[in-house]
C-alpha atoms as a PDB file:
ATOM      1  CA  MET A   1       0.000   0.000   0.000  1.00  0.00           C
ATOM      2  CA  ALA A   2       1.498   3.295  -1.032  1.00  0.00           C
ATOM      3  CA  GLY A   3       2.619   5.903   1.454  1.00  0.00           C
ATOM      4  CA  PRO A   4       0.930   6.877   4.676  1.00  0.00           C
ATOM      5  CA  THR A   5      -0.918   9.882   3.257  1.00  0.00           C
ATOM      6  CA  HIS A   6      -4.597  10.194   2.452  1.00  0.00           C
ATOM      7  CA  ALA A   7      -5.517   6.638   3.500  1.00  0.00           C
ATOM      8  CA  GLN A   8      -8.013   7.675   6.168  1.00  0.00           C
ATOM      9  CA  GLY A   9     -11.631   6.929   5.382  1.00  0.00           C
ATOM     10  CA  ILE A  10     -10.934   3.901   3.169  1.00  0.00           C
ATOM     11  CA  THR A  11     -12.868   0.904   4.502  1.00  0.00           C
ATOM     12  CA  GLU A  12     -13.193  -1.552   1.602  1.00  0.00           C
ATOM     13  CA  PRO A  13     -10.851  -3.147  -0.935  1.00  0.00           C
ATOM     14  CA  GLN A  14     -10.796  -1.521  -4.328  1.00  0.00           C
ATOM     15  CA  ALA A  15     -12.206  -3.391  -7.291  1.00  0.00           C
ATOM     16  CA  VAL A  16      -9.728  -5.552  -9.180  1.00  0.00           C
ATOM     17  CA  LEU A  17      -7.655  -3.246 -11.395  1.00  0.00           C
ATOM     18  CA  PRO A  18      -6.615  -3.867 -15.009  1.00  0.00           C
ATOM     19  CA  LYS A  19      -3.731  -6.346 -15.164  1.00  0.00           C
ATOM     20  CA  THR A  20      -0.448  -6.486 -17.001  1.00  0.00           C
ATOM     21  CA  GLN A  21       1.821  -9.474 -17.492  1.00  0.00           C
ATOM     22  CA  LEU A  22       5.353  -9.142 -16.154  1.00  0.00           C
ATOM     23  CA  SER A  23       8.173 -11.635 -16.045  1.00  0.00           C
ATOM     24  CA  ALA A  24      11.068 -12.273 -13.717  1.00  0.00           C
ATOM     25  CA  GLY A  25      13.305 -14.739 -15.501  1.00  0.00           C
ATOM     26  CA  ILE A  26      11.115 -17.764 -16.241  1.00  0.00           C
ATOM     27  CA  HIS A  27       8.396 -16.656 -13.799  1.00  0.00           C
ATOM     28  CA  ILE A  28       5.239 -14.973 -15.122  1.00  0.00           C
ATOM     29  CA  ILE A  29       3.479 -12.420 -12.901  1.00  0.00           C
ATOM     30  CA  GLN A  30      -0.091 -11.188 -13.358  1.00  0.00           C
ATOM     31  CA  ALA A  31      -0.038  -7.737 -11.766  1.00  0.00           C
ATOM     32  CA  GLU A  32      -2.894  -5.344 -11.209  1.00  0.00           C
ATOM     33  CA  VAL A  33      -1.731  -1.849 -12.183  1.00  0.00           C
ATOM     34  CA  ALA A  34      -2.161   0.994  -9.680  1.00  0.00           C
ATOM     35  CA  ASN A  35      -1.190   4.108 -11.642  1.00  0.00           C
ATOM     36  CA  SER A  36      -3.277   6.925 -10.151  1.00  0.00           C
ATOM     37  CA  ASP A  37      -3.122   8.611  -6.748  1.00  0.00           C
ATOM     38  CA  GLU A  38      -6.378   6.926  -5.729  1.00  0.00           C
ATOM     39  CA  THR A  39      -5.418   3.398  -6.794  1.00  0.00           C
ATOM     40  CA  ARG A  40      -1.908   3.703  -5.324  1.00  0.00           C
ATOM     41  CA  GLN A  41      -3.272   4.969  -1.976  1.00  0.00           C
ATOM     42  CA  ARG A  42      -5.749   2.104  -1.709  1.00  0.00           C
ATOM     43  CA  GLY A  43      -3.367  -0.566  -3.002  1.00  0.00           C
ATOM     44  CA  LEU A  44      -4.078  -3.967  -1.474  1.00  0.00           C
ATOM     45  CA  MET A  45      -5.869  -2.607   1.604  1.00  0.00           C
ATOM     46  CA  PHE A  46      -8.503  -4.993   2.979  1.00  0.00           C
ATOM     47  CA  ARG A  47      -7.603  -7.730   0.468  1.00  0.00           C
ATOM     48  CA  LYS A  48      -7.674 -11.132   2.113  1.00  0.00           C
ATOM     49  CA  ARG A  49      -5.629 -13.103  -0.438  1.00  0.00           C
ATOM     50  CA  LEU A  50      -3.334 -13.030  -3.446  1.00  0.00           C
ATOM     51  CA  ASP A  51      -3.239 -16.066  -5.703  1.00  0.00           C
ATOM     52  CA  GLY A  52      -0.012 -17.737  -6.845  1.00  0.00           C
ATOM     53  CA  ASN A  53       1.783 -15.334  -9.173  1.00  0.00           C
ATOM     54  CA  ASP A  54      -0.637 -12.416  -8.698  1.00  0.00           C
ATOM     55  CA  GLY A  55       0.552  -9.058  -7.427  1.00  0.00           C
ATOM     56  CA  MET A  56       0.098  -5.312  -7.682  1.00  0.00           C
ATOM     57  CA  LEU A  57       2.372  -3.013  -9.682  1.00  0.00           C
ATOM     58  CA  PHE A  58       2.508   0.594  -8.507  1.00  0.00           C
ATOM     59  CA  VAL A  59       3.462   3.012 -11.288  1.00  0.00           C
ATOM     60  CA  PHE A  60       4.548   6.559 -10.422  1.00  0.00           C
ATOM     61  CA  GLU A  61       4.900   9.559 -12.758  1.00  0.00           C
ATOM     62  CA  ARG A  62       8.628   9.931 -12.169  1.00  0.00           C
ATOM     63  CA  PRO A  63      11.415   8.252 -10.222  1.00  0.00           C
ATOM     64  CA  ASP A  64      11.486   9.290  -6.571  1.00  0.00           C
ATOM     65  CA  LYS A  65      12.078   7.723  -3.164  1.00  0.00           C
ATOM     66  CA  GLN A  66       8.908   5.641  -2.723  1.00  0.00           C
ATOM     67  CA  CYS A  67       7.659   4.551   0.698  1.00  0.00           C
ATOM     68  CA  PHE A  68       4.914   2.074   1.563  1.00  0.00           C
ATOM     69  CA  TRP A  69       3.158   0.876   4.699  1.00  0.00           C
ATOM     70  CA  MET A  70       0.678  -1.881   5.557  1.00  0.00           C
ATOM     71  CA  HIS A  71      -2.144   0.068   7.219  1.00  0.00           C
ATOM     72  CA  ASN A  72      -5.408  -1.921   6.842  1.00  0.00           C
ATOM     73  CA  THR A  73      -3.591  -4.583   4.814  1.00  0.00           C
ATOM     74  CA  PRO A  74      -4.172  -8.050   6.327  1.00  0.00           C
ATOM     75  CA  LEU A  75      -1.854  -9.908   3.922  1.00  0.00           C
ATOM     76  CA  PRO A  76       1.867 -10.314   4.622  1.00  0.00           C
ATOM     77  CA  LEU A  77       3.580  -8.931   1.517  1.00  0.00           C
ATOM     78  CA  SER A  78       6.997  -8.545  -0.053  1.00  0.00           C
ATOM     79  CA  ILE A  79       7.699  -5.426  -2.084  1.00  0.00           C
ATOM     80  CA  ALA A  80      10.291  -4.954  -4.818  1.00  0.00           C
ATOM     81  CA  PHE A  81      11.315  -1.404  -5.683  1.00  0.00           C
ATOM     82  CA  ILE A  82      12.161  -1.270  -9.388  1.00  0.00           C
ATOM     83  CA  ALA A  83      14.168   1.220 -11.479  1.00  0.00           C
ATOM     84  CA  ASP A  84      13.036   2.429 -14.918  1.00  0.00           C
ATOM     85  CA  ASP A  85      15.185  -0.208 -16.645  1.00  0.00           C
ATOM     86  CA  GLY A  86      13.485  -3.023 -14.694  1.00  0.00           C
ATOM     87  CA  THR A  87      16.329  -3.604 -12.231  1.00  0.00           C
ATOM     88  CA  ILE A  88      15.194  -4.447  -8.709  1.00  0.00           C
ATOM     89  CA  VAL A  89      16.789  -1.919  -6.337  1.00  0.00           C
ATOM     90  CA  ASN A  90      15.713  -3.550  -3.065  1.00  0.00           C
ATOM     91  CA  ILE A  91      13.118  -5.952  -1.682  1.00  0.00           C
ATOM     92  CA  ASP A  92      11.462  -5.697   1.744  1.00  0.00           C
ATOM     93  CA  ASP A  93       9.110  -8.008   3.620  1.00  0.00           C
ATOM     94  CA  MET A  94       6.158  -6.189   5.178  1.00  0.00           C
ATOM     95  CA  ALA A  95       4.146  -7.428   8.163  1.00  0.00           C
ATOM     96  CA  PRO A  96       0.353  -7.105   7.977  1.00  0.00           C
ATOM     97  CA  GLU A  97      -1.563  -4.286   9.654  1.00  0.00           C
ATOM     98  CA  THR A  98       1.536  -2.222  10.514  1.00  0.00           C
ATOM     99  CA  ASP A  99       2.383   1.417   9.968  1.00  0.00           C
ATOM    100  CA  ASP A 100       6.134   0.831   9.595  1.00  0.00           C
ATOM    101  CA  THR A 101       7.439   2.424   6.414  1.00  0.00           C
ATOM    102  CA  HIS A 102       9.353   0.490   3.760  1.00  0.00           C
ATOM    103  CA  CYS A 103      11.233   2.720   1.317  1.00  0.00           C
ATOM    104  CA  SER A 104      13.226   2.384  -1.861  1.00  0.00           C
ATOM    105  CA  ARG A 105      16.974   2.811  -1.402  1.00  0.00           C
ATOM    106  CA  LYS A 106      17.144   4.904  -4.590  1.00  0.00           C
ATOM    107  CA  PRO A 107      14.609   6.848  -6.640  1.00  0.00           C
ATOM    108  CA  VAL A 108      12.326   4.408  -8.492  1.00  0.00           C
ATOM    109  CA  ARG A 109       9.202   4.647 -10.637  1.00  0.00           C
ATOM    110  CA  TYR A 110       7.833   1.178  -9.902  1.00  0.00           C
ATOM    111  CA  ALA A 111       7.036  -0.991  -6.897  1.00  0.00           C
ATOM    112  CA  LEU A 112       5.710  -4.545  -7.097  1.00  0.00           C
ATOM    113  CA  GLU A 113       3.866  -6.148  -4.177  1.00  0.00           C
ATOM    114  CA  MET A 114       3.589  -9.938  -4.059  1.00  0.00           C
ATOM    115  CA  ALA A 115       2.675 -12.455  -1.347  1.00  0.00           C
ATOM    116  CA  GLN A 116       5.368 -12.438   1.325  1.00  0.00           C
ATOM    117  CA  GLY A 117       8.285 -14.648   0.369  1.00  0.00           C
ATOM    118  CA  TRP A 118       7.382 -14.824  -3.335  1.00  0.00           C
ATOM    119  CA  PHE A 119      10.614 -13.172  -4.499  1.00  0.00           C
ATOM    120  CA  ALA A 120      12.843 -15.303  -2.227  1.00  0.00           C
ATOM    121  CA  ASP A 121      10.951 -18.485  -3.126  1.00  0.00           C
ATOM    122  CA  HIS A 122      11.608 -17.809  -6.825  1.00  0.00           C
ATOM    123  CA  GLY A 123      15.281 -16.844  -6.432  1.00  0.00           C
ATOM    124  CA  ILE A 124      14.628 -13.192  -7.262  1.00  0.00           C
ATOM    125  CA  SER A 125      16.762 -10.605  -5.484  1.00  0.00           C
ATOM    126  CA  ALA A 126      18.099  -7.058  -5.855  1.00  0.00           C
ATOM    127  CA  GLY A 127      19.916  -6.627  -9.158  1.00  0.00           C
ATOM    128  CA  LYS A 128      17.597  -9.006 -11.064  1.00  0.00           C
ATOM    129  CA  LYS A 129      15.255  -7.665 -13.761  1.00  0.00           C
ATOM    130  CA  ILE A 130      11.498  -7.431 -14.093  1.00  0.00           C
ATOM    131  CA  ASP A 131      10.415  -7.377 -17.752  1.00  0.00           C
ATOM    132  CA  GLY A 132       7.190  -6.026 -19.263  1.00  0.00           C
ATOM    133  CA  LEU A 133       6.899  -2.830 -17.228  1.00  0.00           C
ATOM    134  CA  PRO A 134       4.540  -0.263 -18.773  1.00  0.00           C
END
């Protein structure tokens, strides 16, 4: 879930967003695309599950330090912060229902949330590439 601003008053999960197909090596990811202030703020709040290779891709207008939290998000998630060229800058695990911030180590334009442990389970770490970014 994107940054701790403007999240007050949200009480339900957002409808499923349009999806894009990404790849990380041989692994295919079906990612909902959150590319507006409203969809980024709501993110995966109140969602109770993510299936297999499903995730949410957050797309920002320009590279910047991006920070996320898990307010009202009951799923444990892992987040990859991704540079314009698809290189993963850093990956953090995020505990459910917490207000701790998780930030990119460098300016990025993309962040990809997956079920917690997905990146580690698939051998994906900082320095690897995500292909198919919009």
